[in-house]
PDB file of N, CA and C in Angstrom:
ATOM      1  N   MET A   1      -6.804  35.041   4.753  1.00  0.00           N
ATOM      2  CA  MET A   1      -5.934  34.889   3.600  1.00  0.00           C
ATOM      3  C   MET A   1      -5.794  33.391   3.297  1.00  0.00           C
ATOM      4  N   ASP A   2      -6.003  33.008   2.056  1.00  0.00           N
ATOM      5  CA  ASP A   2      -5.902  31.598   1.696  1.00  0.00           C
ATOM      6  C   ASP A   2      -4.515  31.276   1.141  1.00  0.00           C
ATOM      7  N   ALA A   3      -4.280  30.003   0.886  1.00  0.00           N
ATOM      8  CA  ALA A   3      -2.958  29.543   0.435  1.00  0.00           C
ATOM      9  C   ALA A   3      -2.591  30.107  -0.927  1.00  0.00           C
ATOM     10  N   HIS A   4      -3.582  30.359  -1.776  1.00  0.00           N
ATOM     11  CA  HIS A   4      -3.299  30.882  -3.107  1.00  0.00           C
ATOM     12  C   HIS A   4      -2.630  32.257  -3.029  1.00  0.00           C
ATOM     13  N   HIS A   5      -3.084  33.113  -2.112  1.00  0.00           N
ATOM     14  CA  HIS A   5      -2.483  34.436  -1.957  1.00  0.00           C
ATOM     15  C   HIS A   5      -1.087  34.355  -1.346  1.00  0.00           C
ATOM     16  N   LEU A   6      -0.868  33.385  -0.468  1.00  0.00           N
ATOM     17  CA  LEU A   6       0.455  33.228   0.120  1.00  0.00           C
ATOM     18  C   LEU A   6       1.494  32.879  -0.929  1.00  0.00           C
ATOM     19  N   VAL A   7       1.147  32.003  -1.852  1.00  0.00           N
ATOM     20  CA  VAL A   7       2.077  31.599  -2.905  1.00  0.00           C
ATOM     21  C   VAL A   7       2.348  32.761  -3.847  1.00  0.00           C
ATOM     22  N   GLN A   8       1.323  33.531  -4.171  1.00  0.00           N
ATOM     23  CA  GLN A   8       1.519  34.660  -5.073  1.00  0.00           C
ATOM     24  C   GLN A   8       2.408  35.720  -4.444  1.00  0.00           C
ATOM     25  N   ASN A   9       2.342  35.866  -3.130  1.00  0.00           N
ATOM     26  CA  ASN A   9       3.143  36.878  -2.457  1.00  0.00           C
ATOM     27  C   ASN A   9       4.585  36.436  -2.244  1.00  0.00           C
ATOM     28  N   GLN A  10       4.849  35.137  -2.302  1.00  0.00           N
ATOM     29  CA  GLN A  10       6.187  34.640  -2.026  1.00  0.00           C
ATOM     30  C   GLN A  10       6.687  33.731  -3.149  1.00  0.00           C
ATOM     31  N   PRO A  11       6.961  34.276  -4.331  1.00  0.00           N
ATOM     32  CA  PRO A  11       7.494  33.420  -5.394  1.00  0.00           C
ATOM     33  C   PRO A  11       8.935  33.025  -5.082  1.00  0.00           C
ATOM     34  N   ASN A  12       9.305  31.845  -5.504  1.00  0.00           N
ATOM     35  CA  ASN A  12      10.661  31.359  -5.282  1.00  0.00           C
ATOM     36  C   ASN A  12      11.486  31.640  -6.532  1.00  0.00           C
ATOM     37  N   GLU A  13      12.412  32.586  -6.425  1.00  0.00           N
ATOM     38  CA  GLU A  13      13.217  32.953  -7.588  1.00  0.00           C
ATOM     39  C   GLU A  13      14.315  31.944  -7.884  1.00  0.00           C
ATOM     40  N   ASN A  14      14.478  30.931  -7.032  1.00  0.00           N
ATOM     41  CA  ASN A  14      15.481  29.891  -7.271  1.00  0.00           C
ATOM     42  C   ASN A  14      14.949  28.755  -8.133  1.00  0.00           C
ATOM     43  N   ILE A  15      13.704  28.880  -8.623  1.00  0.00           N
ATOM     44  CA  ILE A  15      13.125  27.846  -9.471  1.00  0.00           C
ATOM     45  C   ILE A  15      12.967  28.393 -10.884  1.00  0.00           C
ATOM     46  N   PRO A  16      13.792  27.941 -11.825  1.00  0.00           N
ATOM     47  CA  PRO A  16      13.688  28.427 -13.206  1.00  0.00           C
ATOM     48  C   PRO A  16      12.552  27.735 -13.952  1.00  0.00           C
ATOM     49  N   ASP A  17      12.363  28.112 -15.198  1.00  0.00           N
ATOM     50  CA  ASP A  17      11.347  27.493 -16.036  1.00  0.00           C
ATOM     51  C   ASP A  17      11.914  26.186 -16.600  1.00  0.00           C
ATOM     52  N   PHE A  18      11.246  25.084 -16.337  1.00  0.00           N
ATOM     53  CA  PHE A  18      11.672  23.781 -16.843  1.00  0.00           C
ATOM     54  C   PHE A  18      10.441  22.956 -17.135  1.00  0.00           C
ATOM     55  N   GLY A  19      10.638  21.827 -17.812  1.00  0.00           N
ATOM     56  CA  GLY A  19       9.505  20.997 -18.187  1.00  0.00           C
ATOM     57  C   GLY A  19       9.885  19.539 -18.283  1.00  0.00           C
ATOM     58  N   PRO A  20       8.967  18.691 -18.733  1.00  0.00           N
ATOM     59  CA  PRO A  20       9.247  17.267 -18.870  1.00  0.00           C
ATOM     60  C   PRO A  20      10.400  17.012 -19.841  1.00  0.00           C
ATOM     61  N   GLY A  21      11.251  16.067 -19.495  1.00  0.00           N
ATOM     62  CA  GLY A  21      12.392  15.731 -20.335  1.00  0.00           C
ATOM     63  C   GLY A  21      13.658  16.466 -19.957  1.00  0.00           C
ATOM     64  N   ASP A  22      13.552  17.507 -19.146  1.00  0.00           N
ATOM     65  CA  ASP A  22      14.730  18.260 -18.731  1.00  0.00           C
ATOM     66  C   ASP A  22      15.435  17.536 -17.588  1.00  0.00           C
ATOM     67  N   THR A  23      16.757  17.619 -17.572  1.00  0.00           N
ATOM     68  CA  THR A  23      17.539  17.058 -16.482  1.00  0.00           C
ATOM     69  C   THR A  23      17.760  18.158 -15.455  1.00  0.00           C
ATOM     70  N   VAL A  24      17.339  17.911 -14.225  1.00  0.00           N
ATOM     71  CA  VAL A  24      17.424  18.929 -13.182  1.00  0.00           C
ATOM     72  C   VAL A  24      18.120  18.372 -11.951  1.00  0.00           C
ATOM     73  N   LYS A  25      18.624  19.296 -11.135  1.00  0.00           N
ATOM     74  CA  LYS A  25      19.183  18.956  -9.834  1.00  0.00           C
ATOM     75  C   LYS A  25      18.384  19.747  -8.804  1.00  0.00           C
ATOM     76  N   VAL A  26      17.656  19.034  -7.952  1.00  0.00           N
ATOM     77  CA  VAL A  26      16.803  19.660  -6.943  1.00  0.00           C
ATOM     78  C   VAL A  26      17.528  19.608  -5.606  1.00  0.00           C
ATOM     79  N   ASN A  27      17.735  20.761  -4.995  1.00  0.00           N
ATOM     80  CA  ASN A  27      18.323  20.830  -3.662  1.00  0.00           C
ATOM     81  C   ASN A  27      17.179  20.973  -2.666  1.00  0.00           C
ATOM     82  N   TYR A  28      16.939  19.900  -1.905  1.00  0.00           N
ATOM     83  CA  TYR A  28      15.781  19.822  -1.015  1.00  0.00           C
ATOM     84  C   TYR A  28      16.251  19.809   0.438  1.00  0.00           C
ATOM     85  N   ARG A  29      15.649  20.647   1.260  1.00  0.00           N
ATOM     86  CA  ARG A  29      16.008  20.746   2.665  1.00  0.00           C
ATOM     87  C   ARG A  29      15.331  19.612   3.442  1.00  0.00           C
ATOM     88  N   VAL A  30      16.146  18.810   4.141  1.00  0.00           N
ATOM     89  CA  VAL A  30      15.654  17.656   4.891  1.00  0.00           C
ATOM     90  C   VAL A  30      15.996  17.854   6.361  1.00  0.00           C
ATOM     91  N   LYS A  31      15.031  17.579   7.235  1.00  0.00           N
ATOM     92  CA  LYS A  31      15.272  17.694   8.667  1.00  0.00           C
ATOM     93  C   LYS A  31      15.502  16.302   9.239  1.00  0.00           C
ATOM     94  N   GLU A  32      16.652  16.126   9.869  1.00  0.00           N
ATOM     95  CA  GLU A  32      17.006  14.858  10.504  1.00  0.00           C
ATOM     96  C   GLU A  32      17.266  15.134  11.977  1.00  0.00           C
ATOM     97  N   GLY A  33      16.341  14.745  12.803  1.00  0.00           N
ATOM     98  CA  GLY A  33      16.483  15.023  14.229  1.00  0.00           C
ATOM     99  C   GLY A  33      16.355  16.514  14.483  1.00  0.00           C
ATOM    100  N   GLU A  34      17.422  17.105  15.011  1.00  0.00           N
ATOM    101  CA  GLU A  34      17.397  18.540  15.301  1.00  0.00           C
ATOM    102  C   GLU A  34      18.122  19.371  14.255  1.00  0.00           C
ATOM    103  N   ARG A  35      18.800  18.731  13.338  1.00  0.00           N
ATOM    104  CA  ARG A  35      19.540  19.505  12.338  1.00  0.00           C
ATOM    105  C   ARG A  35      18.905  19.345  10.960  1.00  0.00           C
ATOM    106  N   THR A  36      19.138  20.334  10.118  1.00  0.00           N
ATOM    107  CA  THR A  36      18.644  20.278   8.746  1.00  0.00           C
ATOM    108  C   THR A  36      19.836  20.283   7.805  1.00  0.00           C
ATOM    109  N   ARG A  37      19.666  19.607   6.691  1.00  0.00           N
ATOM    110  CA  ARG A  37      20.714  19.585   5.671  1.00  0.00           C
ATOM    111  C   ARG A  37      20.053  19.635   4.306  1.00  0.00           C
ATOM    112  N   VAL A  38      20.840  19.958   3.299  1.00  0.00           N
ATOM    113  CA  VAL A  38      20.339  20.035   1.931  1.00  0.00           C
ATOM    114  C   VAL A  38      20.717  18.752   1.213  1.00  0.00           C
ATOM    115  N   GLN A  39      19.709  18.085   0.658  1.00  0.00           N
ATOM    116  CA  GLN A  39      19.925  16.821  -0.038  1.00  0.00           C
ATOM    117  C   GLN A  39      19.679  17.030  -1.528  1.00  0.00           C
ATOM    118  N   PRO A  40      20.700  16.855  -2.375  1.00  0.00           N
ATOM    119  CA  PRO A  40      20.490  17.008  -3.819  1.00  0.00           C
ATOM    120  C   PRO A  40      19.862  15.752  -4.419  1.00  0.00           C
ATOM    121  N   PHE A  41      19.015  15.953  -5.421  1.00  0.00           N
ATOM    122  CA  PHE A  41      18.383  14.848  -6.143  1.00  0.00           C
ATOM    123  C   PHE A  41      18.413  15.216  -7.616  1.00  0.00           C
ATOM    124  N   GLN A  42      19.180  14.478  -8.401  1.00  0.00           N
ATOM    125  CA  GLN A  42      19.360  14.790  -9.818  1.00  0.00           C
ATOM    126  C   GLN A  42      18.702  13.726 -10.669  1.00  0.00           C
ATOM    127  N   GLY A  43      17.942  14.172 -11.690  1.00  0.00           N
ATOM    128  CA  GLY A  43      17.291  13.226 -12.575  1.00  0.00           C
ATOM    129  C   GLY A  43      16.506  13.926 -13.666  1.00  0.00           C
ATOM    130  N   ILE A  44      15.667  13.155 -14.354  1.00  0.00           N
ATOM    131  CA  ILE A  44      14.865  13.658 -15.471  1.00  0.00           C
ATOM    132  C   ILE A  44      13.459  13.961 -14.975  1.00  0.00           C
ATOM    133  N   VAL A  45      12.930  15.117 -15.364  1.00  0.00           N
ATOM    134  CA  VAL A  45      11.572  15.498 -14.983  1.00  0.00           C
ATOM    135  C   VAL A  45      10.598  14.665 -15.803  1.00  0.00           C
ATOM    136  N   LEU A  46       9.742  13.896 -15.125  1.00  0.00           N
ATOM    137  CA  LEU A  46       8.732  13.096 -15.814  1.00  0.00           C
ATOM    138  C   LEU A  46       7.481  13.910 -16.094  1.00  0.00           C
ATOM    139  N   LEU A  47       7.089  14.756 -15.153  1.00  0.00           N
ATOM    140  CA  LEU A  47       5.877  15.552 -15.346  1.00  0.00           C
ATOM    141  C   LEU A  47       5.843  16.716 -14.378  1.00  0.00           C
ATOM    142  N   LYS A  48       5.083  17.734 -14.767  1.00  0.00           N
ATOM    143  CA  LYS A  48       4.736  18.844 -13.889  1.00  0.00           C
ATOM    144  C   LYS A  48       3.221  18.867 -13.825  1.00  0.00           C
ATOM    145  N   SER A  49       2.672  19.013 -12.629  1.00  0.00           N
ATOM    146  CA  SER A  49       1.220  19.036 -12.502  1.00  0.00           C
ATOM    147  C   SER A  49       0.801  20.169 -11.582  1.00  0.00           C
ATOM    148  N   GLY A  50      -0.394  20.669 -11.793  1.00  0.00           N
ATOM    149  CA  GLY A  50      -0.942  21.696 -10.927  1.00  0.00           C
ATOM    150  C   GLY A  50      -0.836  23.100 -11.460  1.00  0.00           C
ATOM    151  N   GLY A  51      -0.097  23.306 -12.543  1.00  0.00           N
ATOM    152  CA  GLY A  51       0.017  24.639 -13.134  1.00  0.00           C
ATOM    153  C   GLY A  51       0.607  25.648 -12.174  1.00  0.00           C
ATOM    154  N   LYS A  52      -0.134  26.733 -11.911  1.00  0.00           N
ATOM    155  CA  LYS A  52       0.343  27.776 -11.007  1.00  0.00           C
ATOM    156  C   LYS A  52      -0.367  27.743  -9.660  1.00  0.00           C
ATOM    157  N   SER A  53      -1.070  26.655  -9.377  1.00  0.00           N
ATOM    158  CA  SER A  53      -1.792  26.556  -8.112  1.00  0.00           C
ATOM    159  C   SER A  53      -0.803  26.314  -6.966  1.00  0.00           C
ATOM    160  N   PRO A  54      -1.205  26.576  -5.742  1.00  0.00           N
ATOM    161  CA  PRO A  54      -0.310  26.355  -4.600  1.00  0.00           C
ATOM    162  C   PRO A  54       0.101  24.898  -4.427  1.00  0.00           C
ATOM    163  N   SER A  55      -0.703  23.976  -4.950  1.00  0.00           N
ATOM    164  CA  SER A  55      -0.383  22.556  -4.804  1.00  0.00           C
ATOM    165  C   SER A  55       0.374  21.993  -6.005  1.00  0.00           C
ATOM    166  N   ALA A  56       0.937  22.846  -6.847  1.00  0.00           N
ATOM    167  CA  ALA A  56       1.672  22.388  -8.025  1.00  0.00           C
ATOM    168  C   ALA A  56       2.887  21.566  -7.599  1.00  0.00           C
ATOM    169  N   SER A  57       3.206  20.544  -8.395  1.00  0.00           N
ATOM    170  CA  SER A  57       4.335  19.684  -8.071  1.00  0.00           C
ATOM    171  C   SER A  57       4.986  19.180  -9.351  1.00  0.00           C
ATOM    172  N   PHE A  58       6.147  18.561  -9.188  1.00  0.00           N
ATOM    173  CA  PHE A  58       6.832  17.939 -10.317  1.00  0.00           C
ATOM    174  C   PHE A  58       7.491  16.659  -9.833  1.00  0.00           C
ATOM    175  N   THR A  59       7.627  15.702 -10.753  1.00  0.00           N
ATOM    176  CA  THR A  59       8.192  14.394 -10.433  1.00  0.00           C
ATOM    177  C   THR A  59       9.512  14.224 -11.168  1.00  0.00           C
ATOM    178  N   VAL A  60      10.532  13.789 -10.437  1.00  0.00           N
ATOM    179  CA  VAL A  60      11.872  13.587 -10.990  1.00  0.00           C
ATOM    180  C   VAL A  60      12.234  12.117 -10.833  1.00  0.00           C
ATOM    181  N   ARG A  61      12.806  11.531 -11.896  1.00  0.00           N
ATOM    182  CA  ARG A  61      13.207  10.118 -11.883  1.00  0.00           C
ATOM    183  C   ARG A  61      14.704  10.004 -12.123  1.00  0.00           C
ATOM    184  N   ARG A  62      15.330   9.130 -11.374  1.00  0.00           N
ATOM    185  CA  ARG A  62      16.745   8.833 -11.574  1.00  0.00           C
ATOM    186  C   ARG A  62      16.974   7.350 -11.360  1.00  0.00           C
ATOM    187  N   ILE A  63      18.101   6.870 -11.833  1.00  0.00           N
ATOM    188  CA  ILE A  63      18.484   5.472 -11.656  1.00  0.00           C
ATOM    189  C   ILE A  63      19.633   5.443 -10.656  1.00  0.00           C
ATOM    190  N   ALA A  64      19.448   4.739  -9.549  1.00  0.00           N
ATOM    191  CA  ALA A  64      20.489   4.616  -8.528  1.00  0.00           C
ATOM    192  C   ALA A  64      20.753   3.136  -8.292  1.00  0.00           C
ATOM    193  N   GLN A  65      21.964   2.700  -8.559  1.00  0.00           N
ATOM    194  CA  GLN A  65      22.395   1.312  -8.387  1.00  0.00           C
ATOM    195  C   GLN A  65      21.486   0.346  -9.136  1.00  0.00           C
ATOM    196  N   GLY A  66      21.069   0.752 -10.340  1.00  0.00           N
ATOM    197  CA  GLY A  66      20.258  -0.097 -11.194  1.00  0.00           C
ATOM    198  C   GLY A  66      18.777  -0.114 -10.868  1.00  0.00           C
ATOM    199  N   ILE A  67      18.353   0.686  -9.908  1.00  0.00           N
ATOM    200  CA  ILE A  67      16.944   0.742  -9.509  1.00  0.00           C
ATOM    201  C   ILE A  67      16.411   2.140  -9.782  1.00  0.00           C
ATOM    202  N   GLY A  68      15.249   2.218 -10.421  1.00  0.00           N
ATOM    203  CA  GLY A  68      14.636   3.510 -10.706  1.00  0.00           C
ATOM    204  C   GLY A  68      13.999   4.103  -9.462  1.00  0.00           C
ATOM    205  N   ILE A  69      14.301   5.369  -9.205  1.00  0.00           N
ATOM    206  CA  ILE A  69      13.751   6.078  -8.052  1.00  0.00           C
ATOM    207  C   ILE A  69      13.022   7.309  -8.561  1.00  0.00           C
ATOM    208  N   GLU A  70      11.776   7.465  -8.136  1.00  0.00           N
ATOM    209  CA  GLU A  70      11.003   8.651  -8.489  1.00  0.00           C
ATOM    210  C   GLU A  70      10.686   9.411  -7.216  1.00  0.00           C
ATOM    211  N   ARG A  71      10.788  10.724  -7.310  1.00  0.00           N
ATOM    212  CA  ARG A  71      10.482  11.559  -6.156  1.00  0.00           C
ATOM    213  C   ARG A  71       9.634  12.725  -6.610  1.00  0.00           C
ATOM    214  N   LYS A  72       8.593  13.005  -5.858  1.00  0.00           N
ATOM    215  CA  LYS A  72       7.676  14.089  -6.184  1.00  0.00           C
ATOM    216  C   LYS A  72       7.977  15.265  -5.259  1.00  0.00           C
ATOM    217  N   PHE A  73       8.176  16.452  -5.853  1.00  0.00           N
ATOM    218  CA  PHE A  73       8.497  17.648  -5.090  1.00  0.00           C
ATOM    219  C   PHE A  73       7.388  18.679  -5.247  1.00  0.00           C
ATOM    220  N   PRO A  74       6.969  19.332  -4.163  1.00  0.00           N
ATOM    221  CA  PRO A  74       6.042  20.456  -4.305  1.00  0.00           C
ATOM    222  C   PRO A  74       6.789  21.652  -4.890  1.00  0.00           C
ATOM    223  N   LEU A  75       6.220  22.278  -5.890  1.00  0.00           N
ATOM    224  CA  LEU A  75       6.908  23.343  -6.620  1.00  0.00           C
ATOM    225  C   LEU A  75       7.141  24.577  -5.762  1.00  0.00           C
ATOM    226  N   TYR A  76       6.179  24.934  -4.926  1.00  0.00           N
ATOM    227  CA  TYR A  76       6.275  26.170  -4.150  1.00  0.00           C
ATOM    228  C   TYR A  76       6.621  25.929  -2.687  1.00  0.00           C
ATOM    229  N   SER A  77       7.189  24.791  -2.365  1.00  0.00           N
ATOM    230  CA  SER A  77       7.542  24.485  -0.986  1.00  0.00           C
ATOM    231  C   SER A  77       8.773  25.282  -0.553  1.00  0.00           C
ATOM    232  N   PRO A  78       8.787  25.776   0.679  1.00  0.00           N
ATOM    233  CA  PRO A  78       9.992  26.453   1.173  1.00  0.00           C
ATOM    234  C   PRO A  78      11.155  25.480   1.378  1.00  0.00           C
ATOM    235  N   ASN A  79      10.870  24.169   1.404  1.00  0.00           N
ATOM    236  CA  ASN A  79      11.939  23.180   1.545  1.00  0.00           C
ATOM    237  C   ASN A  79      12.702  22.953   0.249  1.00  0.00           C
ATOM    238  N   VAL A  80      12.138  23.346  -0.890  1.00  0.00           N
ATOM    239  CA  VAL A  80      12.871  23.272  -2.151  1.00  0.00           C
ATOM    240  C   VAL A  80      13.774  24.496  -2.196  1.00  0.00           C
ATOM    241  N   GLU A  81      15.054  24.275  -1.901  1.00  0.00           N
ATOM    242  CA  GLU A  81      15.984  25.396  -1.819  1.00  0.00           C
ATOM    243  C   GLU A  81      16.294  25.960  -3.199  1.00  0.00           C
ATOM    244  N   SER A  82      16.537  25.078  -4.162  1.00  0.00           N
ATOM    245  CA  SER A  82      16.790  25.534  -5.528  1.00  0.00           C
ATOM    246  C   SER A  82      16.602  24.372  -6.496  1.00  0.00           C
ATOM    247  N   VAL A  83      16.354  24.733  -7.753  1.00  0.00           N
ATOM    248  CA  VAL A  83      16.267  23.767  -8.842  1.00  0.00           C
ATOM    249  C   VAL A  83      17.213  24.254  -9.929  1.00  0.00           C
ATOM    250  N   ASP A  84      18.198  23.456 -10.266  1.00  0.00           N
ATOM    251  CA  ASP A  84      19.159  23.809 -11.309  1.00  0.00           C
ATOM    252  C   ASP A  84      18.873  22.964 -12.539  1.00  0.00           C
ATOM    253  N   VAL A  85      18.658  23.620 -13.682  1.00  0.00           N
ATOM    254  CA  VAL A  85      18.456  22.900 -14.936  1.00  0.00           C
ATOM    255  C   VAL A  85      19.833  22.610 -15.520  1.00  0.00           C
ATOM    256  N   LEU A  86      20.149  21.336 -15.695  1.00  0.00           N
ATOM    257  CA  LEU A  86      21.450  20.937 -16.223  1.00  0.00           C
ATOM    258  C   LEU A  86      21.412  20.742 -17.735  1.00  0.00           C
ATOM    259  N   ARG A  87      20.243  20.339 -18.259  1.00  0.00           N
ATOM    260  CA  ARG A  87      20.126  20.022 -19.686  1.00  0.00           C
ATOM    261  C   ARG A  87      18.663  20.088 -20.084  1.00  0.00           C
ATOM    262  N   TYR A  88      18.389  20.702 -21.216  1.00  0.00           N
ATOM    263  CA  TYR A  88      17.032  20.757 -21.743  1.00  0.00           C
ATOM    264  C   TYR A  88      16.824  19.592 -22.703  1.00  0.00           C
ATOM    265  N   GLY A  89      15.780  18.810 -22.479  1.00  0.00           N
ATOM    266  CA  GLY A  89      15.497  17.656 -23.319  1.00  0.00           C
ATOM    267  C   GLY A  89      14.378  17.927 -24.295  1.00  0.00           C
ATOM    268  N   LYS A  90      14.420  17.237 -25.435  1.00  0.00           N
ATOM    269  CA  LYS A  90      13.399  17.380 -26.467  1.00  0.00           C
ATOM    270  C   LYS A  90      12.461  16.183 -26.388  1.00  0.00           C
ATOM    271  N   VAL A  91      11.230  16.417 -25.944  1.00  0.00           N
ATOM    272  CA  VAL A  91      10.223  15.359 -25.851  1.00  0.00           C
ATOM    273  C   VAL A  91       8.924  15.862 -26.464  1.00  0.00           C
ATOM    274  N   ARG A  92       8.045  14.929 -26.814  1.00  0.00           N
ATOM    275  CA  ARG A  92       6.773  15.284 -27.444  1.00  0.00           C
ATOM    276  C   ARG A  92       5.579  15.037 -26.533  1.00  0.00           C
ATOM    277  N   ARG A  93       5.829  14.657 -25.320  1.00  0.00           N
ATOM    278  CA  ARG A  93       4.757  14.347 -24.381  1.00  0.00           C
ATOM    279  C   ARG A  93       4.895  15.207 -23.132  1.00  0.00           C
ATOM    280  N   ALA A  94       3.779  15.431 -22.467  1.00  0.00           N
ATOM    281  CA  ALA A  94       3.789  16.190 -21.218  1.00  0.00           C
ATOM    282  C   ALA A  94       4.017  15.280 -20.018  1.00  0.00           C
ATOM    283  N   ARG A  95       3.719  14.006 -20.185  1.00  0.00           N
ATOM    284  CA  ARG A  95       3.886  13.045 -19.099  1.00  0.00           C
ATOM    285  C   ARG A  95       4.686  11.854 -19.634  1.00  0.00           C
ATOM    286  N   LEU A  96       5.844  11.644 -19.076  1.00  0.00           N
ATOM    287  CA  LEU A  96       6.778  10.651 -19.603  1.00  0.00           C
ATOM    288  C   LEU A  96       6.727   9.346 -18.806  1.00  0.00           C
ATOM    289  N   TYR A  97       5.520   8.814 -18.609  1.00  0.00           N
ATOM    290  CA  TYR A  97       5.372   7.569 -17.855  1.00  0.00           C
ATOM    291  C   TYR A  97       6.024   6.386 -18.567  1.00  0.00           C
ATOM    292  N   TYR A  98       6.143   6.449 -19.876  1.00  0.00           N
ATOM    293  CA  TYR A  98       6.743   5.346 -20.631  1.00  0.00           C
ATOM    294  C   TYR A  98       8.218   5.162 -20.292  1.00  0.00           C
ATOM    295  N   PHE A  99       8.824   6.133 -19.635  1.00  0.00           N
ATOM    296  CA  PHE A  99      10.228   6.024 -19.249  1.00  0.00           C
ATOM    297  C   PHE A  99      10.454   4.966 -18.179  1.00  0.00           C
ATOM    298  N   ARG A 100       9.402   4.600 -17.472  1.00  0.00           N
ATOM    299  CA  ARG A 100       9.534   3.607 -16.411  1.00  0.00           C
ATOM    300  C   ARG A 100       9.897   2.236 -16.961  1.00  0.00           C
ATOM    301  N   GLU A 101       9.484   1.947 -18.187  1.00  0.00           N
ATOM    302  CA  GLU A 101       9.781   0.648 -18.796  1.00  0.00           C
ATOM    303  C   GLU A 101      11.085   0.649 -19.579  1.00  0.00           C
ATOM    304  N   ARG A 102      11.717   1.792 -19.728  1.00  0.00           N
ATOM    305  CA  ARG A 102      12.928   1.872 -20.546  1.00  0.00           C
ATOM    306  C   ARG A 102      14.175   1.893 -19.679  1.00  0.00           C
ATOM    307  N   SER A 103      15.250   1.338 -20.236  1.00  0.00           N
ATOM    308  CA  SER A 103      16.524   1.360 -19.535  1.00  0.00           C
ATOM    309  C   SER A 103      17.647   1.443 -20.557  1.00  0.00           C
ATOM    310  N   GLY A 104      18.794   1.858 -20.110  1.00  0.00           N
ATOM    311  CA  GLY A 104      19.966   1.938 -20.975  1.00  0.00           C
ATOM    312  C   GLY A 104      19.818   2.952 -22.089  1.00  0.00           C
ATOM    313  N   ARG A 105      20.178   2.537 -23.304  1.00  0.00           N
ATOM    314  CA  ARG A 105      20.150   3.451 -24.450  1.00  0.00           C
ATOM    315  C   ARG A 105      18.736   3.859 -24.838  1.00  0.00           C
ATOM    316  N   ALA A 106      17.762   3.027 -24.543  1.00  0.00           N
ATOM    317  CA  ALA A 106      16.376   3.347 -24.883  1.00  0.00           C
ATOM    318  C   ALA A 106      15.830   4.485 -24.022  1.00  0.00           C
ATOM    319  N   ALA A 107      16.488   4.763 -22.903  1.00  0.00           N
ATOM    320  CA  ALA A 107      16.020   5.802 -21.993  1.00  0.00           C
ATOM    321  C   ALA A 107      16.691   7.147 -22.253  1.00  0.00           C
ATOM    322  N   ARG A 108      17.359   7.277 -23.394  1.00  0.00           N
ATOM    323  CA  ARG A 108      18.017   8.550 -23.697  1.00  0.00           C
ATOM    324  C   ARG A 108      17.013   9.567 -24.212  1.00  0.00           C
ATOM    325  N   ILE A 109      17.294  10.838 -23.965  1.00  0.00           N
ATOM    326  CA  ILE A 109      16.473  11.939 -24.467  1.00  0.00           C
ATOM    327  C   ILE A 109      17.381  12.851 -25.271  1.00  0.00           C
ATOM    328  N   LYS A 110      16.927  13.227 -26.464  1.00  0.00           N
ATOM    329  CA  LYS A 110      17.702  14.154 -27.279  1.00  0.00           C
ATOM    330  C   LYS A 110      17.708  15.526 -26.628  1.00  0.00           C
ATOM    331  N   GLU A 111      18.780  16.261 -26.887  1.00  0.00           N
ATOM    332  CA  GLU A 111      18.900  17.604 -26.331  1.00  0.00           C
ATOM    333  C   GLU A 111      18.174  18.604 -27.214  1.00  0.00           C
ATOM    334  N   ARG A 112      17.485  19.560 -26.595  1.00  0.00           N
ATOM    335  CA  ARG A 112      16.759  20.582 -27.337  1.00  0.00           C
ATOM    336  C   ARG A 112      17.764  21.508 -28.027  1.00  0.00           C
ATOM    337  N   MET A 113      17.536  21.756 -29.328  1.00  0.00           N
ATOM    338  CA  MET A 113      18.460  22.548 -30.137  1.00  0.00           C
ATOM    339  C   MET A 113      17.809  23.856 -30.581  1.00  0.00           C
ATOM    340  N   VAL A 114      18.640  24.889 -30.712  1.00  0.00           N
ATOM    341  CA  VAL A 114      18.215  26.176 -31.258  1.00  0.00           C
ATOM    342  C   VAL A 114      19.261  26.585 -32.283  1.00  0.00           C
ATOM    343  N   ASN A 115      18.840  26.729 -33.531  1.00  0.00           N
ATOM    344  CA  ASN A 115      19.741  27.088 -34.634  1.00  0.00           C
ATOM    345  C   ASN A 115      20.918  26.122 -34.749  1.00  0.00           C
ATOM    346  N   GLY A 116      20.665  24.846 -34.558  1.00  0.00           N
ATOM    347  CA  GLY A 116      21.700  23.833 -34.712  1.00  0.00           C
ATOM    348  C   GLY A 116      22.624  23.685 -33.525  1.00  0.00           C
ATOM    349  N   ARG A 117      22.403  24.449 -32.467  1.00  0.00           N
ATOM    350  CA  ARG A 117      23.239  24.370 -31.275  1.00  0.00           C
ATOM    351  C   ARG A 117      22.389  23.949 -30.081  1.00  0.00           C
ATOM    352  N   PRO A 118      22.985  23.211 -29.142  1.00  0.00           N
ATOM    353  CA  PRO A 118      22.209  22.806 -27.963  1.00  0.00           C
ATOM    354  C   PRO A 118      21.809  24.017 -27.127  1.00  0.00           C
ATOM    355  N   LEU A 119      20.587  23.980 -26.621  1.00  0.00           N
ATOM    356  CA  LEU A 119      20.089  25.042 -25.758  1.00  0.00           C
ATOM    357  C   LEU A 119      20.677  24.831 -24.374  1.00  0.00           C
ATOM    358  N   ARG A 120      21.420  25.800 -23.896  1.00  0.00           N
ATOM    359  CA  ARG A 120      22.080  25.693 -22.593  1.00  0.00           C
ATOM    360  C   ARG A 120      21.330  26.512 -21.555  1.00  0.00           C
ATOM    361  N   PRO A 121      21.212  25.990 -20.333  1.00  0.00           N
ATOM    362  CA  PRO A 121      20.535  26.750 -19.283  1.00  0.00           C
ATOM    363  C   PRO A 121      21.359  27.958 -18.855  1.00  0.00           C
ATOM    364  N   GLN A 122      20.649  28.999 -18.433  1.00  0.00           N
ATOM    365  CA  GLN A 122      21.313  30.194 -17.927  1.00  0.00           C
ATOM    366  C   GLN A 122      21.792  29.916 -16.510  1.00  0.00           C
ATOM    367  N   VAL A 123      23.062  30.220 -16.241  1.00  0.00           N
ATOM    368  CA  VAL A 123      23.634  29.979 -14.924  1.00  0.00           C
ATOM    369  C   VAL A 123      23.629  31.288 -14.156  1.00  0.00           C
ATOM    370  N   LYS A 124      23.032  31.256 -12.945  1.00  0.00           N
ATOM    371  CA  LYS A 124      22.998  32.443 -12.096  1.00  0.00           C
ATOM    372  C   LYS A 124      24.228  32.456 -11.203  1.00  0.00           C
ATOM    373  N   ASN A 125      24.764  33.638 -10.964  1.00  0.00           N
ATOM    374  CA  ASN A 125      25.862  33.781 -10.012  1.00  0.00           C
ATOM    375  C   ASN A 125      25.281  33.847  -8.613  1.00  0.00           C
ATOM    376  N   ARG A 126      25.795  32.996  -7.735  1.00  0.00           N
ATOM    377  CA  ARG A 126      25.260  32.973  -6.362  1.00  0.00           C
ATOM    378  C   ARG A 126      26.269  33.478  -5.398  1.00  0.00           C
TER     379      ARG A 126
END
């Protein structure tokens, strides 16, 4: 059995549909010594790559203490506990590398609208 069949047999229902420009909160399981904890990472999705392959991943960027931090997460990793979409952004590109040079007001993304109202993510009861 190859990795492609393993991913198809074990989809992660805690990962909703999201794309570049969306603001997400990724809860990632981190092992420190003998204990594990969940570390949240909130930011804007710069890109998704790999499609539906087992090696698919996405990159999230945030600004912490004035410094830009980018983190790449494997989409189908068991360490990704959940991905919460906080806001849907309206962008025209699939890869938002130009965001690395922007700061402040220039780094804003408009919210995706439907019938004149902002598109809100569906919240699951846990």
